Amino acid sequence: MWNKPAEGNVSPQSSNTPARGPMTPKLNPPVASTAPAAPSAPVFSPPAASTVATGSPSTIAAGLRIHGEFSGNTDLYIDGEAQGSIRLGQSKVTVGPHGRVQADIDAREIVVEGRVQGNLKASESIRLGPGSHVQGSMLTPRVAIEDGARLRGKVEMTKPGDARRVAAAGQGKSSEVVPATPAPVAKE
């Protein structure tokens, strides 16, 4: 005899398995999926501080224009256009041959191969390459100006020990500036 199951009772057959009758072939029960869930958004984990400082420099490539204030602890290579202020006190800033910068630059080391309009302050050294054009003052303990470089501004040399203090002081108002010694003039 056939009994109608009560509505509140749960059938012994799972809702995932098809009903089997005398003419229905026996089917294997569904297997739980072991495939991983759909991938979610990638998780970003920043590199360790030591990786950032020793890794490749950040780059503003040719064709990019950046406006604003730059600060951080990684080296920077500029071959595009940058305006604003660049403060990378413990890093090296390089302006590539196609670089155009209208900013004050404060860094450990500055290398200019392109064009810079602004003041340069380096705690270790500034180097102007043969194709460089700089308009602004430079404050550093060491400077190298190669043949062909163009500079319109003034150069102030600091004592090597004072360079770090100058960088920390902001504008260098409390630093001692070492005057340039005139070269001896040959008498004829």
C-alpha atoms as a PDB file:
ATOM      1  CA  MET A   1       0.000   0.000   0.000  1.00  0.00           C
ATOM      2  CA  TRP A   2       1.010   3.486  -0.652  1.00  0.00           C
ATOM      3  CA  ASN A   3       1.236   6.039   2.173  1.00  0.00           C
ATOM      4  CA  LYS A   4       1.435   9.725   1.588  1.00  0.00           C
ATOM      5  CA  PRO A   5       4.374  11.172   3.550  1.00  0.00           C
ATOM      6  CA  ALA A   6       3.496  13.793   6.089  1.00  0.00           C
ATOM      7  CA  GLU A   7       4.473  17.330   5.070  1.00  0.00           C
ATOM      8  CA  GLY A   8       6.533  18.016   8.190  1.00  0.00           C
ATOM      9  CA  ASN A   9       8.501  14.775   7.928  1.00  0.00           C
ATOM     10  CA  VAL A  10      11.754  14.693   6.040  1.00  0.00           C
ATOM     11  CA  SER A  11      12.077  12.108   3.362  1.00  0.00           C
ATOM     12  CA  PRO A  12      14.999   9.671   3.718  1.00  0.00           C
ATOM     13  CA  GLN A  13      15.988  10.597   0.160  1.00  0.00           C
ATOM     14  CA  SER A  14      18.133  13.691  -0.153  1.00  0.00           C
ATOM     15  CA  SER A  15      16.824  16.504  -2.297  1.00  0.00           C
ATOM     16  CA  ASN A  16      20.134  16.324  -4.223  1.00  0.00           C
ATOM     17  CA  THR A  17      19.574  12.727  -5.344  1.00  0.00           C
ATOM     18  CA  PRO A  18      17.008  11.867  -7.951  1.00  0.00           C
ATOM     19  CA  ALA A  19      14.121   9.569  -7.053  1.00  0.00           C
ATOM     20  CA  ARG A  20      14.700   5.958  -8.076  1.00  0.00           C
ATOM     21  CA  GLY A  21      11.937   3.874  -9.426  1.00  0.00           C
ATOM     22  CA  PRO A  22      11.920   0.436 -10.959  1.00  0.00           C
ATOM     23  CA  MET A  23      12.910   1.830 -14.366  1.00  0.00           C
ATOM     24  CA  THR A  24      15.372   4.474 -13.135  1.00  0.00           C
ATOM     25  CA  PRO A  25      19.051   3.466 -13.312  1.00  0.00           C
ATOM     26  CA  LYS A  26      21.032   3.626 -10.101  1.00  0.00           C
ATOM     27  CA  LEU A  27      23.041   6.900  -9.917  1.00  0.00           C
ATOM     28  CA  ASN A  28      26.049   7.619  -7.757  1.00  0.00           C
ATOM     29  CA  PRO A  29      25.338  10.172  -5.044  1.00  0.00           C
ATOM     30  CA  PRO A  30      26.797  13.649  -5.659  1.00  0.00           C
ATOM     31  CA  VAL A  31      30.344  14.137  -4.415  1.00  0.00           C
ATOM     32  CA  ALA A  32      31.150  17.182  -2.324  1.00  0.00           C
ATOM     33  CA  SER A  33      33.204  19.604  -4.355  1.00  0.00           C
ATOM     34  CA  THR A  34      36.831  19.866  -3.300  1.00  0.00           C
ATOM     35  CA  ALA A  35      37.601  22.670  -5.726  1.00  0.00           C
ATOM     36  CA  PRO A  36      38.636  25.906  -4.065  1.00  0.00           C
ATOM     37  CA  ALA A  37      36.151  28.704  -3.853  1.00  0.00           C
ATOM     38  CA  ALA A  38      36.149  31.333  -6.558  1.00  0.00           C
ATOM     39  CA  PRO A  39      39.195  33.567  -6.216  1.00  0.00           C
ATOM     40  CA  SER A  40      38.530  36.794  -4.433  1.00  0.00           C
ATOM     41  CA  ALA A  41      40.324  40.072  -4.960  1.00  0.00           C
ATOM     42  CA  PRO A  42      44.112  39.657  -4.631  1.00  0.00           C
ATOM     43  CA  VAL A  43      45.490  40.517  -1.238  1.00  0.00           C
ATOM     44  CA  PHE A  44      48.265  43.137  -1.341  1.00  0.00           C
ATOM     45  CA  SER A  45      51.041  42.781   1.150  1.00  0.00           C
ATOM     46  CA  PRO A  46      53.605  45.595   1.095  1.00  0.00           C
ATOM     47  CA  PRO A  47      57.252  44.579   0.855  1.00  0.00           C
ATOM     48  CA  ALA A  48      59.417  44.747   3.930  1.00  0.00           C
ATOM     49  CA  ALA A  49      61.165  48.042   4.608  1.00  0.00           C
ATOM     50  CA  SER A  50      64.577  46.587   3.744  1.00  0.00           C
ATOM     51  CA  THR A  51      63.260  45.467   0.348  1.00  0.00           C
ATOM     52  CA  VAL A  52      61.967  48.949  -0.433  1.00  0.00           C
ATOM     53  CA  ALA A  53      65.235  50.674   0.427  1.00  0.00           C
ATOM     54  CA  THR A  54      67.411  48.253  -1.538  1.00  0.00           C
ATOM     55  CA  GLY A  55      65.035  47.493  -4.402  1.00  0.00           C
ATOM     56  CA  SER A  56      64.929  49.163  -7.759  1.00  0.00           C
ATOM     57  CA  PRO A  57      64.141  52.884  -7.763  1.00  0.00           C
ATOM     58  CA  SER A  58      60.650  54.218  -8.295  1.00  0.00           C
ATOM     59  CA  THR A  59      60.318  55.676 -11.780  1.00  0.00           C
ATOM     60  CA  ILE A  60      58.411  58.534 -13.332  1.00  0.00           C
ATOM     61  CA  ALA A  61      58.751  57.426 -16.940  1.00  0.00           C
ATOM     62  CA  ALA A  62      58.873  59.592 -20.049  1.00  0.00           C
ATOM     63  CA  GLY A  63      55.376  60.697 -20.986  1.00  0.00           C
ATOM     64  CA  LEU A  64      54.136  60.944 -17.367  1.00  0.00           C
ATOM     65  CA  ARG A  65      53.346  64.248 -15.664  1.00  0.00           C
ATOM     66  CA  ILE A  66      53.179  64.271 -11.883  1.00  0.00           C
ATOM     67  CA  HIS A  67      52.164  67.238  -9.700  1.00  0.00           C
ATOM     68  CA  GLY A  68      52.404  67.273  -5.916  1.00  0.00           C
ATOM     69  CA  GLU A  69      54.611  66.534  -2.948  1.00  0.00           C
ATOM     70  CA  PHE A  70      56.872  63.477  -3.065  1.00  0.00           C
ATOM     71  CA  SER A  71      58.279  61.917   0.085  1.00  0.00           C
ATOM     72  CA  GLY A  72      59.479  58.486   1.079  1.00  0.00           C
ATOM     73  CA  ASN A  73      62.509  56.293   1.589  1.00  0.00           C
ATOM     74  CA  THR A  74      63.198  54.793  -1.839  1.00  0.00           C
ATOM     75  CA  ASP A  75      65.337  56.073  -4.699  1.00  0.00           C
ATOM     76  CA  LEU A  76      63.528  57.972  -7.449  1.00  0.00           C
ATOM     77  CA  TYR A  77      64.301  58.156 -11.173  1.00  0.00           C
ATOM     78  CA  ILE A  78      62.501  60.912 -13.106  1.00  0.00           C
ATOM     79  CA  ASP A  79      62.458  60.781 -16.900  1.00  0.00           C
ATOM     80  CA  GLY A  80      59.035  62.423 -17.234  1.00  0.00           C
ATOM     81  CA  GLU A  81      57.719  65.698 -15.805  1.00  0.00           C
ATOM     82  CA  ALA A  82      57.378  66.477 -12.097  1.00  0.00           C
ATOM     83  CA  GLN A  83      56.191  69.621 -10.315  1.00  0.00           C
ATOM     84  CA  GLY A  84      55.894  70.370  -6.612  1.00  0.00           C
ATOM     85  CA  SER A  85      58.393  69.351  -3.947  1.00  0.00           C
ATOM     86  CA  ILE A  86      60.535  66.236  -3.633  1.00  0.00           C
ATOM     87  CA  ARG A  87      61.678  65.246  -0.123  1.00  0.00           C
ATOM     88  CA  LEU A  88      63.570  61.962  -0.069  1.00  0.00           C
ATOM     89  CA  GLY A  89      66.163  62.744   2.601  1.00  0.00           C
ATOM     90  CA  GLN A  90      67.759  59.276   2.782  1.00  0.00           C
ATOM     91  CA  SER A  91      67.493  58.425  -0.918  1.00  0.00           C
ATOM     92  CA  LYS A  92      68.977  59.189  -4.309  1.00  0.00           C
ATOM     93  CA  VAL A  93      67.050  61.293  -6.840  1.00  0.00           C
ATOM     94  CA  THR A  94      68.069  61.060 -10.496  1.00  0.00           C
ATOM     95  CA  VAL A  95      66.638  63.312 -13.195  1.00  0.00           C
ATOM     96  CA  GLY A  96      67.109  61.427 -16.454  1.00  0.00           C
ATOM     97  CA  PRO A  97      67.993  62.976 -19.818  1.00  0.00           C
ATOM     98  CA  HIS A  98      64.312  63.473 -20.723  1.00  0.00           C
ATOM     99  CA  GLY A  99      63.328  64.574 -17.208  1.00  0.00           C
ATOM    100  CA  ARG A 100      61.759  67.997 -16.621  1.00  0.00           C
ATOM    101  CA  VAL A 101      61.420  68.991 -12.968  1.00  0.00           C
ATOM    102  CA  GLN A 102      59.982  72.171 -11.473  1.00  0.00           C
ATOM    103  CA  ALA A 103      60.483  71.435  -7.799  1.00  0.00           C
ATOM    104  CA  ASP A 104      62.775  71.860  -4.851  1.00  0.00           C
ATOM    105  CA  ILE A 105      64.648  68.591  -4.302  1.00  0.00           C
ATOM    106  CA  ASP A 106      65.910  67.467  -0.884  1.00  0.00           C
ATOM    107  CA  ALA A 107      67.733  64.120  -0.952  1.00  0.00           C
ATOM    108  CA  ARG A 108      70.851  62.276   0.137  1.00  0.00           C
ATOM    109  CA  GLU A 109      72.265  62.333  -3.397  1.00  0.00           C
ATOM    110  CA  ILE A 110      71.048  64.174  -6.505  1.00  0.00           C
ATOM    111  CA  VAL A 111      72.075  63.425 -10.098  1.00  0.00           C
ATOM    112  CA  VAL A 112      70.790  65.674 -12.891  1.00  0.00           C
ATOM    113  CA  GLU A 113      70.973  64.706 -16.564  1.00  0.00           C
ATOM    114  CA  GLY A 114      67.875  66.654 -17.685  1.00  0.00           C
ATOM    115  CA  ARG A 115      66.300  69.972 -16.676  1.00  0.00           C
ATOM    116  CA  VAL A 116      65.580  71.201 -13.148  1.00  0.00           C
ATOM    117  CA  GLN A 117      64.072  74.497 -12.085  1.00  0.00           C
ATOM    118  CA  GLY A 118      64.266  74.661  -8.303  1.00  0.00           C
ATOM    119  CA  ASN A 119      66.632  74.491  -5.364  1.00  0.00           C
ATOM    120  CA  LEU A 120      68.714  71.366  -4.786  1.00  0.00           C
ATOM    121  CA  LYS A 121      69.778  70.284  -1.301  1.00  0.00           C
ATOM    122  CA  ALA A 122      71.771  67.071  -0.814  1.00  0.00           C
ATOM    123  CA  SER A 123      73.306  65.693   2.362  1.00  0.00           C
ATOM    124  CA  GLU A 124      76.055  63.862   0.411  1.00  0.00           C
ATOM    125  CA  SER A 125      76.507  65.118  -3.161  1.00  0.00           C
ATOM    126  CA  ILE A 126      75.065  66.711  -6.284  1.00  0.00           C
ATOM    127  CA  ARG A 127      76.235  65.807  -9.781  1.00  0.00           C
ATOM    128  CA  LEU A 128      75.284  67.723 -12.913  1.00  0.00           C
ATOM    129  CA  GLY A 129      75.727  65.655 -16.069  1.00  0.00           C
ATOM    130  CA  PRO A 130      76.865  67.026 -19.452  1.00  0.00           C
ATOM    131  CA  GLY A 131      73.325  67.582 -20.758  1.00  0.00           C
ATOM    132  CA  SER A 132      71.868  69.073 -17.579  1.00  0.00           C
ATOM    133  CA  HIS A 133      70.232  72.491 -17.200  1.00  0.00           C
ATOM    134  CA  VAL A 134      69.713  73.686 -13.619  1.00  0.00           C
ATOM    135  CA  GLN A 135      68.150  76.970 -12.543  1.00  0.00           C
ATOM    136  CA  GLY A 136      68.290  77.377  -8.762  1.00  0.00           C
ATOM    137  CA  SER A 137      70.648  77.194  -5.839  1.00  0.00           C
ATOM    138  CA  MET A 138      72.522  74.104  -4.677  1.00  0.00           C
ATOM    139  CA  LEU A 139      73.470  73.259  -1.082  1.00  0.00           C
ATOM    140  CA  THR A 140      75.733  70.231  -0.554  1.00  0.00           C
ATOM    141  CA  PRO A 141      79.137  69.162   0.802  1.00  0.00           C
ATOM    142  CA  ARG A 142      80.257  67.786  -2.602  1.00  0.00           C
ATOM    143  CA  VAL A 143      79.395  68.918  -6.101  1.00  0.00           C
ATOM    144  CA  ALA A 144      80.465  67.686  -9.533  1.00  0.00           C
ATOM    145  CA  ILE A 145      79.679  69.718 -12.636  1.00  0.00           C
ATOM    146  CA  GLU A 146      80.629  68.005 -15.872  1.00  0.00           C
ATOM    147  CA  ASP A 147      81.577  69.763 -19.126  1.00  0.00           C
ATOM    148  CA  GLY A 148      78.478  70.891 -20.972  1.00  0.00           C
ATOM    149  CA  ALA A 149      76.316  71.273 -17.844  1.00  0.00           C
ATOM    150  CA  ARG A 150      74.479  74.573 -17.481  1.00  0.00           C
ATOM    151  CA  LEU A 151      73.871  76.145 -14.070  1.00  0.00           C
ATOM    152  CA  ARG A 152      72.133  79.410 -13.328  1.00  0.00           C
ATOM    153  CA  GLY A 153      72.106  80.016  -9.604  1.00  0.00           C
ATOM    154  CA  LYS A 154      74.444  79.771  -6.664  1.00  0.00           C
ATOM    155  CA  VAL A 155      76.357  76.927  -5.093  1.00  0.00           C
ATOM    156  CA  GLU A 156      76.802  76.744  -1.323  1.00  0.00           C
ATOM    157  CA  MET A 157      79.180  74.163   0.079  1.00  0.00           C
ATOM    158  CA  THR A 158      78.656  72.770   3.577  1.00  0.00           C
ATOM    159  CA  LYS A 159      81.045  70.815   5.739  1.00  0.00           C
ATOM    160  CA  PRO A 160      80.468  67.064   5.342  1.00  0.00           C
ATOM    161  CA  GLY A 161      79.458  66.697   9.015  1.00  0.00           C
ATOM    162  CA  ASP A 162      77.034  69.617   8.754  1.00  0.00           C
ATOM    163  CA  ALA A 163      75.230  68.273   5.697  1.00  0.00           C
ATOM    164  CA  ARG A 164      72.987  65.955   7.725  1.00  0.00           C
ATOM    165  CA  ARG A 165      72.200  68.734  10.188  1.00  0.00           C
ATOM    166  CA  VAL A 166      71.360  71.060   7.281  1.00  0.00           C
ATOM    167  CA  ALA A 167      68.957  68.521   5.842  1.00  0.00           C
ATOM    168  CA  ALA A 168      67.307  68.052   9.242  1.00  0.00           C
ATOM    169  CA  ALA A 169      67.068  71.795   9.885  1.00  0.00           C
ATOM    170  CA  GLY A 170      64.752  72.336   6.936  1.00  0.00           C
ATOM    171  CA  GLN A 171      66.042  75.435   5.216  1.00  0.00           C
ATOM    172  CA  GLY A 172      69.574  75.289   6.609  1.00  0.00           C
ATOM    173  CA  LYS A 173      69.287  78.588   8.516  1.00  0.00           C
ATOM    174  CA  SER A 174      71.359  77.300  11.428  1.00  0.00           C
ATOM    175  CA  SER A 175      74.112  75.726   9.354  1.00  0.00           C
ATOM    176  CA  GLU A 176      77.575  77.014   8.763  1.00  0.00           C
ATOM    177  CA  VAL A 177      78.343  77.691   5.130  1.00  0.00           C
ATOM    178  CA  VAL A 178      81.908  77.177   4.018  1.00  0.00           C
ATOM    179  CA  PRO A 179      82.947  80.043   1.735  1.00  0.00           C
ATOM    180  CA  ALA A 180      84.650  79.152  -1.524  1.00  0.00           C
ATOM    181  CA  THR A 181      88.374  79.828  -1.539  1.00  0.00           C
ATOM    182  CA  PRO A 182      89.471  81.844  -4.570  1.00  0.00           C
ATOM    183  CA  ALA A 183      91.907  80.072  -6.850  1.00  0.00           C
ATOM    184  CA  PRO A 184      95.420  81.519  -7.004  1.00  0.00           C
ATOM    185  CA  VAL A 185      95.928  83.835  -9.938  1.00  0.00           C
ATOM    186  CA  ALA A 186      99.018  83.249 -12.040  1.00  0.00           C
ATOM    187  CA  LYS A 187     101.124  86.383 -12.581  1.00  0.00           C
ATOM    188  CA  GLU A 188     102.640  86.979 -15.963  1.00  0.00           C
END
